[in-house]
C-alpha cells in the first residue's frame, strides 16, 4: 500500500511539474526522477528565483575555474564541474519548483529562464575565451554563437508549434553539461585537448542546428499552408 502511494505521489508531481514542456533527451527519466525527489525537500523560504540566481552563480563558477586554470594551474578547471552541478540544480529546479508549488508565472518565468540561460552560456564561453591560447579563442566565440542559435531555434519552434522543447533530439542542456564536465577532466589530464574537443562540439552543434533549422522551416511552411 505504501509503495502504491509513493508511485501515485511521483506520478502526480511529475505531471504537475513537467506538463509545460516536451523532453526528448537521453537522461530524461533520470533527470526527472531526481528533480521529483528533490522538490519536496526544498525549504519553503527558498523561492524559484533563488534557484535561478543559483544557476547563474554556477555558470560564474565555471567562468572562474577557467580564469584560475589559465593564470594559476589547470587543476582549478575541476572546480568548473562543481559549477556545472550548481548550474544544473538552479536551472532545473527554478521553474519546476514554481509548478510544484502551484505558483507558476508562465511568461515571467519563461523570459527569466531564457535570459539566465544566455547569461550563463556567455559566462562559460567567456571563461573559455580567457583560458584559450594561440588564436584558438575563436572556438569559444563559435560555441557561444552556436548555442545561441540553438536557443533561437527552440523559441521559434515554440512560436510555430506552441510546444516548448529545449532539446535537440537526444541531446539537451543536461547532456551538454556532462560533455563539458568530461572535457574539463580530459583537459586536466591532457592539456591542450580542450581545443580539439571544443571544436568537435562546435561542429556537432552546427550540424544539429542546421538540421533543426531546416525542420523548423518545414514546420513553418506547413502551418502557413494549413492557415490558407
Protein backbone atom coordinates (compact mmCIF):
# COMPACT_ATOMS: atom_id res chain seq x y z
CA UNK A 1 0.00 0.00 0.00
CA UNK A 2 2.78 2.42 0.93
CA UNK A 3 4.56 1.66 -2.32
CA UNK A 4 1.40 2.41 -4.32
CA UNK A 5 1.06 5.77 -2.60
CA UNK A 6 4.67 6.61 -3.41
CA UNK A 7 4.09 5.74 -7.07
CA UNK A 8 0.95 7.88 -7.16
CA UNK A 9 2.77 10.76 -5.50
CA UNK A 10 5.59 10.54 -8.01
CA UNK A 11 3.17 10.49 -10.95
CA UNK A 12 1.22 13.45 -9.60
CA UNK A 13 4.35 15.52 -9.00
CA UNK A 14 5.81 14.63 -12.41
CA UNK A 15 2.56 15.51 -14.17
CA UNK A 16 2.28 18.85 -12.41
CA UNK A 17 5.90 19.92 -12.82
CA UNK A 18 6.72 18.76 -16.36
CA UNK A 19 3.44 19.29 -18.19
CA UNK A 20 4.57 22.59 -19.75
CA UNK A 21 7.38 21.18 -21.90
CA UNK A 22 8.35 18.23 -24.05
CA UNK A 23 11.64 16.47 -23.25
CA UNK A 24 13.40 14.02 -25.57
CA UNK A 25 16.91 13.93 -24.07
CA UNK A 26 18.69 10.68 -23.18
CA UNK A 27 18.81 11.47 -19.45
CA UNK A 28 15.13 12.45 -19.29
CA UNK A 29 13.99 9.74 -16.86
CA UNK A 30 16.96 10.02 -14.51
CA UNK A 31 16.77 13.80 -14.53
CA UNK A 32 13.04 13.94 -13.86
CA UNK A 33 13.27 11.33 -11.11
CA UNK A 34 16.00 13.36 -9.39
CA UNK A 35 14.00 16.57 -9.66
CA UNK A 36 10.83 14.93 -8.30
CA UNK A 37 12.89 13.54 -5.40
CA UNK A 38 14.39 16.97 -4.59
CA UNK A 39 11.35 19.23 -4.93
CA UNK A 40 9.53 18.19 -1.72
CA UNK A 41 12.77 18.69 0.21
CA UNK A 42 13.25 22.34 -0.76
CA UNK A 43 12.65 24.60 2.28
CA UNK A 44 9.61 26.85 1.90
CA UNK A 45 11.63 30.03 2.36
CA UNK A 46 13.60 29.29 -0.82
CA UNK A 47 11.83 30.73 -3.85
CA UNK A 48 12.16 29.72 -7.52
CA UNK A 49 14.07 32.96 -8.19
CA UNK A 50 16.74 31.85 -5.71
CA UNK A 51 17.35 28.78 -7.85
CA UNK A 52 17.55 30.95 -10.97
CA UNK A 53 20.25 33.01 -9.26
CA UNK A 54 21.96 29.79 -8.15
CA UNK A 55 22.10 28.58 -11.75
CA UNK A 56 23.76 31.81 -12.87
CA UNK A 57 26.24 31.64 -10.00
CA UNK A 58 27.08 28.10 -11.08
CA UNK A 59 27.98 29.38 -14.53
CA UNK A 60 30.03 32.09 -12.84
CA UNK A 61 31.97 29.39 -11.01
CA UNK A 62 32.76 27.71 -14.34
CA UNK A 63 33.99 31.09 -15.60
CA UNK A 64 36.18 31.45 -12.50
CA UNK A 65 37.54 27.93 -12.95
CA UNK A 66 38.71 28.81 -16.46
CA UNK A 67 40.34 32.02 -15.25
CA UNK A 68 42.16 30.28 -12.40
CA UNK A 69 43.12 27.47 -14.75
CA UNK A 70 44.62 29.99 -17.16
CA UNK A 71 46.63 32.01 -14.64
CA UNK A 72 47.41 29.54 -11.83
CA UNK A 73 47.11 25.82 -12.51
CA UNK A 74 44.96 23.68 -14.79
CA UNK A 75 43.71 21.69 -11.78
CA UNK A 76 41.37 24.58 -11.00
CA UNK A 77 39.37 23.51 -14.04
CA UNK A 78 37.87 20.76 -11.89
CA UNK A 79 36.05 23.45 -9.89
CA UNK A 80 34.12 24.01 -13.08
CA UNK A 81 32.45 20.62 -12.60
CA UNK A 82 31.07 21.84 -9.26
CA UNK A 83 29.85 24.93 -11.07
CA UNK A 84 28.06 22.80 -13.66
CA UNK A 85 26.32 20.81 -10.92
CA UNK A 86 25.20 24.04 -9.22
CA UNK A 87 24.07 25.38 -12.58
CA UNK A 88 22.02 22.23 -13.19
CA UNK A 89 20.40 22.46 -9.76
CA UNK A 90 19.43 26.08 -10.24
CA UNK A 91 18.33 25.76 -13.84
CA UNK A 92 16.37 22.55 -13.27
CA UNK A 93 14.61 23.44 -10.02
CA UNK A 94 13.59 27.07 -10.53
CA UNK A 95 10.63 26.63 -12.86
CA UNK A 96 9.87 23.11 -11.64
CA UNK A 97 9.60 24.40 -8.07
CA UNK A 98 7.10 27.04 -9.17
CA UNK A 99 4.92 24.42 -10.85
CA UNK A 100 5.29 22.05 -7.89
CA UNK A 101 4.04 24.77 -5.52
CA UNK A 102 1.29 25.78 -7.97
CA UNK A 103 2.65 29.32 -8.25
CA UNK A 104 3.91 29.36 -11.86
CA UNK A 105 4.40 32.71 -13.58
CA UNK A 106 4.44 31.28 -17.06
CA UNK A 107 5.62 34.22 -19.15
CA UNK A 108 7.73 35.89 -16.45
CA UNK A 109 9.42 32.57 -15.73
CA UNK A 110 9.85 31.83 -19.43
CA UNK A 111 11.54 35.19 -20.05
CA UNK A 112 13.71 34.98 -16.93
CA UNK A 113 14.81 31.44 -17.78
CA UNK A 114 15.93 32.40 -21.29
CA UNK A 115 17.80 35.47 -20.02
CA UNK A 116 19.52 33.49 -17.26
CA UNK A 117 20.48 30.69 -19.69
CA UNK A 118 22.01 33.19 -22.10
CA UNK A 119 23.99 34.94 -19.36
CA UNK A 120 25.18 31.54 -18.15
CA UNK A 121 26.42 30.34 -21.54
CA UNK A 122 28.15 33.69 -22.18
CA UNK A 123 29.96 33.38 -18.83
CA UNK A 124 31.14 29.87 -19.67
CA UNK A 125 32.16 30.87 -23.19
CA UNK A 126 33.99 33.98 -21.96
CA UNK A 127 35.83 31.91 -19.37
CA UNK A 128 36.98 29.51 -22.07
CA UNK A 129 37.99 32.51 -24.20
CA UNK A 130 40.32 33.66 -21.41
CA UNK A 131 41.71 30.13 -20.99
CA UNK A 132 42.25 29.51 -24.72
CA UNK A 133 45.62 30.38 -26.26
CA UNK A 134 47.40 30.79 -29.58
CA UNK A 135 44.45 32.04 -31.59
CA UNK A 136 42.07 29.26 -30.56
CA UNK A 137 39.77 31.80 -28.86
CA UNK A 138 37.64 31.68 -32.00
CA UNK A 139 36.37 28.29 -30.80
CA UNK A 140 34.92 29.95 -27.68
CA UNK A 141 33.14 32.51 -29.84
CA UNK A 142 31.81 29.76 -32.13
CA UNK A 143 30.49 27.76 -29.17
CA UNK A 144 28.57 30.73 -27.72
CA UNK A 145 27.21 31.72 -31.14
CA UNK A 146 26.09 28.18 -31.97
CA UNK A 147 24.47 27.67 -28.56
CA UNK A 148 22.67 30.98 -29.05
CA UNK A 149 21.47 29.70 -32.42
CA UNK A 150 20.03 26.60 -30.74
CA UNK A 151 18.22 28.82 -28.21
CA UNK A 152 16.68 30.86 -31.04
CA UNK A 153 15.52 27.65 -32.72
CA UNK A 154 13.76 26.49 -29.53
CA UNK A 155 11.93 29.82 -29.22
CA UNK A 156 10.87 29.81 -32.87
CA UNK A 157 9.70 26.19 -32.56
CA UNK A 158 7.60 27.24 -29.58
CA UNK A 159 6.09 30.10 -31.57
CA UNK A 160 5.23 27.91 -34.56
CA UNK A 161 4.10 24.69 -32.84
CA UNK A 162 3.06 26.02 -29.40
CA UNK A 163 5.12 23.15 -27.97
CA UNK A 164 8.13 24.12 -25.88
CA UNK A 165 11.18 21.87 -26.16
CA UNK A 166 14.73 22.68 -25.06
CA UNK A 167 16.26 19.53 -26.52
CA UNK A 168 17.75 18.75 -29.92
CA UNK A 169 16.81 15.11 -30.33
CA UNK A 170 18.54 13.05 -27.65
CA UNK A 171 20.75 15.92 -26.50
CA UNK A 172 19.65 18.65 -24.09
CA UNK A 173 21.27 21.10 -21.67
CA UNK A 174 21.91 18.34 -19.12
CA UNK A 175 23.79 16.19 -21.61
CA UNK A 176 25.78 19.24 -22.69
CA UNK A 177 26.81 19.85 -19.06
CA UNK A 178 28.05 16.26 -18.85
CA UNK A 179 30.04 16.75 -22.04
CA UNK A 180 31.60 19.99 -20.78
CA UNK A 181 32.49 18.31 -17.47
CA UNK A 182 34.15 15.45 -19.36
CA UNK A 183 36.09 17.93 -21.50
CA UNK A 184 37.36 19.68 -18.36
CA UNK A 185 38.56 16.38 -16.90
CA UNK A 186 40.32 15.39 -20.13
CA UNK A 187 41.94 18.83 -20.36
CA UNK A 188 43.37 18.43 -16.85
CA UNK A 189 44.83 15.06 -17.82
CA UNK A 190 45.91 16.04 -21.34
CA UNK A 191 46.49 19.78 -21.54
CA UNK A 192 45.61 21.26 -24.91
CA UNK A 193 42.96 18.66 -25.74
CA UNK A 194 40.18 21.15 -24.97
CA UNK A 195 40.79 22.94 -28.27
CA UNK A 196 40.08 19.82 -30.32
CA UNK A 197 37.18 18.67 -28.16
CA UNK A 198 35.52 22.11 -28.11
CA UNK A 199 35.99 22.34 -31.87
CA UNK A 200 34.30 18.96 -32.27
CA UNK A 201 31.39 20.06 -30.08
CA UNK A 202 31.03 23.24 -32.15
CA UNK A 203 30.93 21.23 -35.37
CA UNK A 204 28.29 18.89 -33.94
CA UNK A 205 26.23 21.88 -32.76
CA UNK A 206 26.47 23.40 -36.23
CA UNK A 207 25.20 20.20 -37.85
CA UNK A 208 22.38 19.79 -35.31
CA UNK A 209 21.35 23.44 -35.65
CA UNK A 210 21.34 23.23 -39.43
CA UNK A 211 19.12 20.13 -39.37
CA UNK A 212 16.81 21.67 -36.76
CA UNK A 213 16.58 24.90 -38.76
CA UNK A 214 15.53 23.02 -41.89
CA UNK A 215 12.91 21.10 -39.88
CA UNK A 216 11.70 24.39 -38.40
CA UNK A 217 11.28 25.94 -41.84
CA UNK A 218 9.20 22.93 -42.92
CA UNK A 219 7.02 23.31 -39.83
CA UNK A 220 6.56 27.00 -40.59
CA UNK A 221 5.66 26.23 -44.20
CA UNK A 222 3.17 23.57 -43.10
CA UNK A 223 1.50 25.95 -40.66
CA UNK A 224 1.22 28.61 -43.38
CA UNK A 225 -0.45 26.12 -45.73
CA UNK A 226 -2.90 24.99 -43.03
CA UNK A 227 -3.94 28.60 -42.43
CA UNK A 228 -4.68 29.21 -46.11
